[in-house]
Amino acid sequence: QVELVESGGGLVQAGGSLGLSCAASGRTLNPYAMGWFRQAPGKEREFVAAIRWSGGSTYYADSVKGRFTISRDNAVITVFLQMNSLTPEDTAVYYCAAARYNRGTLYITRESGYDYWGQGTQVTVSS
């Protein structure tokens, strides 16, 4: 079984920065893509960013474009999310996800496009 472990969450003031990482362990994983989703209190989980493992194409939600950057480390199957210019609206539990298969480009921004999920890490942005 594949396990995804997130780290790097915490409390930051508005305008600040925070970096998240997600490392895959367990069964050998050769992902098609890895991504980040988030869920704020009382809201549904939403797509944040994703990266195709081969080629490195990136995808972002409109709400984070220009502020967040997703990157990867091929050698250790780890994905990173650098978050800048944070606002209280970014407060949420952030989840890492990995897709084993290519289900099509449309699915890279959808929960149903992913096979494995991390436990989540809390990000809180104070005003």
Foldseek 3Di string as FASTA:
>chain_A
DKAKAKDWADEAAAQAKTKMKIFIDDPDADFQKKAKWWDDPPGDIFGAKMFGPPPTDIDGDPVQPPFKDWDADVVGGMIMIIGGRDDQVPWTWMKMFTARDPPDPVCRGPPVRTDDIHPTDTHGYHD
